[in-house]
Amino acid sequence: MHVSDTIRFIIENRDVLITFLIALIAVVKLTAWGKAQSSALDAVVGVIEGLGARNIKAGVSDAVSDLPAGAQDAIGDSVAKADPKKESSSLFTRIVREVFRGI
């Protein structure tokens, strides 16, 4: 492709390219937001585990059953990170869960 062909392609398909860029920015922003939420959840669970607050643990475990599957997985992963007795899911397992949850 020559430069003129590239410029013509961009001009003819600018709506598609703009839509693609907006979608890409949205995915990046949502990923960053999700990581921030995960870090916050990990910090809270770490404090709860560190204090051994049984009332809070019991309340969370009662509330977990009412949450969507994604939230249950996030809490389970956070608890596994905070509690050395529990094993955290592997990255591969978490990715596969999310892919199949989206289908």
C-alpha atoms as a PDB file:
ATOM      1  CA  MET A   1       0.000   0.000   0.000  1.00  0.00           C
ATOM      2  CA  HIS A   2       1.162   3.457  -0.801  1.00  0.00           C
ATOM      3  CA  VAL A   3       0.743   6.439   1.436  1.00  0.00           C
ATOM      4  CA  SER A   4      -2.069   7.804  -0.708  1.00  0.00           C
ATOM      5  CA  ASP A   5      -3.916   4.459  -0.448  1.00  0.00           C
ATOM      6  CA  THR A   6      -3.505   4.492   3.321  1.00  0.00           C
ATOM      7  CA  ILE A   7      -4.815   8.047   3.587  1.00  0.00           C
ATOM      8  CA  ARG A   8      -7.762   7.215   1.326  1.00  0.00           C
ATOM      9  CA  PHE A   9      -8.540   4.111   3.421  1.00  0.00           C
ATOM     10  CA  ILE A  10      -8.504   6.174   6.630  1.00  0.00           C
ATOM     11  CA  ILE A  11     -10.725   8.877   5.142  1.00  0.00           C
ATOM     12  CA  GLU A  12     -13.219   6.388   3.689  1.00  0.00           C
ATOM     13  CA  ASN A  13     -13.439   4.351   6.901  1.00  0.00           C
ATOM     14  CA  ARG A  14     -13.034   7.013   9.560  1.00  0.00           C
ATOM     15  CA  ASP A  15     -16.316   6.117  11.287  1.00  0.00           C
ATOM     16  CA  VAL A  16     -15.190   2.518  11.703  1.00  0.00           C
ATOM     17  CA  LEU A  17     -11.750   3.577  12.896  1.00  0.00           C
ATOM     18  CA  ILE A  18     -13.189   6.086  15.374  1.00  0.00           C
ATOM     19  CA  THR A  19     -15.562   3.444  16.717  1.00  0.00           C
ATOM     20  CA  PHE A  20     -12.672   1.004  17.055  1.00  0.00           C
ATOM     21  CA  LEU A  21     -10.563   3.566  18.948  1.00  0.00           C
ATOM     22  CA  ILE A  22     -13.426   4.403  21.307  1.00  0.00           C
ATOM     23  CA  ALA A  23     -14.009   0.702  22.000  1.00  0.00           C
ATOM     24  CA  LEU A  24     -10.296   0.167  22.596  1.00  0.00           C
ATOM     25  CA  ILE A  25     -10.143   3.073  25.055  1.00  0.00           C
ATOM     26  CA  ALA A  26     -13.230   1.736  26.856  1.00  0.00           C
ATOM     27  CA  VAL A  27     -11.658  -1.719  27.234  1.00  0.00           C
ATOM     28  CA  VAL A  28      -8.438  -0.228  28.599  1.00  0.00           C
ATOM     29  CA  LYS A  29     -10.347   1.987  31.060  1.00  0.00           C
ATOM     30  CA  LEU A  30     -12.567  -0.878  32.249  1.00  0.00           C
ATOM     31  CA  THR A  31      -9.541  -3.118  32.704  1.00  0.00           C
ATOM     32  CA  ALA A  32      -7.806  -0.468  34.808  1.00  0.00           C
ATOM     33  CA  TRP A  33     -10.994   0.061  36.837  1.00  0.00           C
ATOM     34  CA  GLY A  34     -11.338  -3.690  37.379  1.00  0.00           C
ATOM     35  CA  LYS A  35      -7.735  -3.962  38.567  1.00  0.00           C
ATOM     36  CA  ALA A  36      -8.283  -1.079  40.990  1.00  0.00           C
ATOM     37  CA  GLN A  37     -11.439  -2.730  42.347  1.00  0.00           C
ATOM     38  CA  SER A  38      -9.565  -6.004  42.724  1.00  0.00           C
ATOM     39  CA  SER A  39      -6.739  -4.308  44.622  1.00  0.00           C
ATOM     40  CA  ALA A  40      -9.226  -2.619  46.935  1.00  0.00           C
ATOM     41  CA  LEU A  41     -11.009  -5.910  47.579  1.00  0.00           C
ATOM     42  CA  ASP A  42      -7.689  -7.640  48.256  1.00  0.00           C
ATOM     43  CA  ALA A  43      -6.745  -4.949  50.768  1.00  0.00           C
ATOM     44  CA  VAL A  44     -10.051  -5.202  52.628  1.00  0.00           C
ATOM     45  CA  VAL A  45      -9.945  -9.001  52.722  1.00  0.00           C
ATOM     46  CA  GLY A  46      -6.327  -8.883  53.890  1.00  0.00           C
ATOM     47  CA  VAL A  47      -7.265  -6.665  56.819  1.00  0.00           C
ATOM     48  CA  ILE A  48     -10.226  -8.875  57.725  1.00  0.00           C
ATOM     49  CA  GLU A  49      -8.068 -12.005  57.564  1.00  0.00           C
ATOM     50  CA  GLY A  50      -5.318 -10.300  59.560  1.00  0.00           C
ATOM     51  CA  LEU A  51      -7.716  -9.300  62.317  1.00  0.00           C
ATOM     52  CA  GLY A  52      -9.459 -12.646  62.308  1.00  0.00           C
ATOM     53  CA  ALA A  53     -12.829 -10.892  62.470  1.00  0.00           C
ATOM     54  CA  ARG A  54     -15.153 -13.887  62.647  1.00  0.00           C
ATOM     55  CA  ASN A  55     -18.377 -11.840  62.552  1.00  0.00           C
ATOM     56  CA  ILE A  56     -17.300 -10.159  59.336  1.00  0.00           C
ATOM     57  CA  LYS A  57     -16.144 -13.449  57.803  1.00  0.00           C
ATOM     58  CA  ALA A  58     -19.473 -15.069  58.652  1.00  0.00           C
ATOM     59  CA  GLY A  59     -21.403 -12.142  57.173  1.00  0.00           C
ATOM     60  CA  VAL A  60     -19.360 -12.203  53.977  1.00  0.00           C
ATOM     61  CA  SER A  61     -19.744 -15.952  53.552  1.00  0.00           C
ATOM     62  CA  ASP A  62     -23.520 -15.601  54.023  1.00  0.00           C
ATOM     63  CA  ALA A  63     -23.681 -12.792  51.435  1.00  0.00           C
ATOM     64  CA  VAL A  64     -21.480 -14.592  48.889  1.00  0.00           C
ATOM     65  CA  SER A  65     -24.200 -17.057  47.934  1.00  0.00           C
ATOM     66  CA  ASP A  66     -26.435 -14.184  46.757  1.00  0.00           C
ATOM     67  CA  LEU A  67     -23.749 -12.634  44.529  1.00  0.00           C
ATOM     68  CA  PRO A  68     -23.187 -13.275  40.809  1.00  0.00           C
ATOM     69  CA  ALA A  69     -20.599 -15.903  39.865  1.00  0.00           C
ATOM     70  CA  GLY A  70     -17.996 -13.288  38.924  1.00  0.00           C
ATOM     71  CA  ALA A  71     -18.223 -11.617  42.313  1.00  0.00           C
ATOM     72  CA  GLN A  72     -18.039 -14.987  44.078  1.00  0.00           C
ATOM     73  CA  ASP A  73     -14.877 -15.823  42.153  1.00  0.00           C
ATOM     74  CA  ALA A  74     -13.344 -12.426  42.952  1.00  0.00           C
ATOM     75  CA  ILE A  75     -14.011 -12.849  46.663  1.00  0.00           C
ATOM     76  CA  GLY A  76     -12.661 -16.401  46.586  1.00  0.00           C
ATOM     77  CA  ASP A  77      -9.467 -15.258  44.849  1.00  0.00           C
ATOM     78  CA  SER A  78      -9.028 -12.371  47.291  1.00  0.00           C
ATOM     79  CA  VAL A  79      -9.503 -14.636  50.299  1.00  0.00           C
ATOM     80  CA  ALA A  80      -7.014 -17.122  48.850  1.00  0.00           C
ATOM     81  CA  LYS A  81      -4.446 -14.326  48.431  1.00  0.00           C
ATOM     82  CA  ALA A  82      -4.950 -13.117  52.003  1.00  0.00           C
ATOM     83  CA  ASP A  83      -5.136 -16.515  53.711  1.00  0.00           C
ATOM     84  CA  PRO A  84      -1.930 -18.562  53.468  1.00  0.00           C
ATOM     85  CA  LYS A  85      -3.873 -21.772  54.169  1.00  0.00           C
ATOM     86  CA  LYS A  86      -5.917 -21.388  50.973  1.00  0.00           C
ATOM     87  CA  GLU A  87      -4.621 -21.864  47.458  1.00  0.00           C
ATOM     88  CA  SER A  88      -5.341 -19.176  44.858  1.00  0.00           C
ATOM     89  CA  SER A  89      -6.619 -20.109  41.394  1.00  0.00           C
ATOM     90  CA  SER A  90      -4.045 -20.005  38.627  1.00  0.00           C
ATOM     91  CA  LEU A  91      -4.127 -17.211  36.063  1.00  0.00           C
ATOM     92  CA  PHE A  92      -5.081 -19.707  33.366  1.00  0.00           C
ATOM     93  CA  THR A  93      -8.045 -20.958  35.422  1.00  0.00           C
ATOM     94  CA  ARG A  94      -9.288 -17.419  36.042  1.00  0.00           C
ATOM     95  CA  ILE A  95      -9.030 -16.516  32.339  1.00  0.00           C
ATOM     96  CA  VAL A  96     -10.887 -19.673  31.267  1.00  0.00           C
ATOM     97  CA  ARG A  97     -13.643 -18.966  33.832  1.00  0.00           C
ATOM     98  CA  GLU A  98     -14.104 -15.439  32.485  1.00  0.00           C
ATOM     99  CA  VAL A  99     -14.134 -16.573  28.856  1.00  0.00           C
ATOM    100  CA  PHE A 100     -16.778 -19.225  29.487  1.00  0.00           C
ATOM    101  CA  ARG A 101     -18.786 -16.888  31.728  1.00  0.00           C
ATOM    102  CA  GLY A 102     -19.023 -14.445  28.823  1.00  0.00           C
ATOM    103  CA  ILE A 103     -20.328 -17.090  26.416  1.00  0.00           C
END
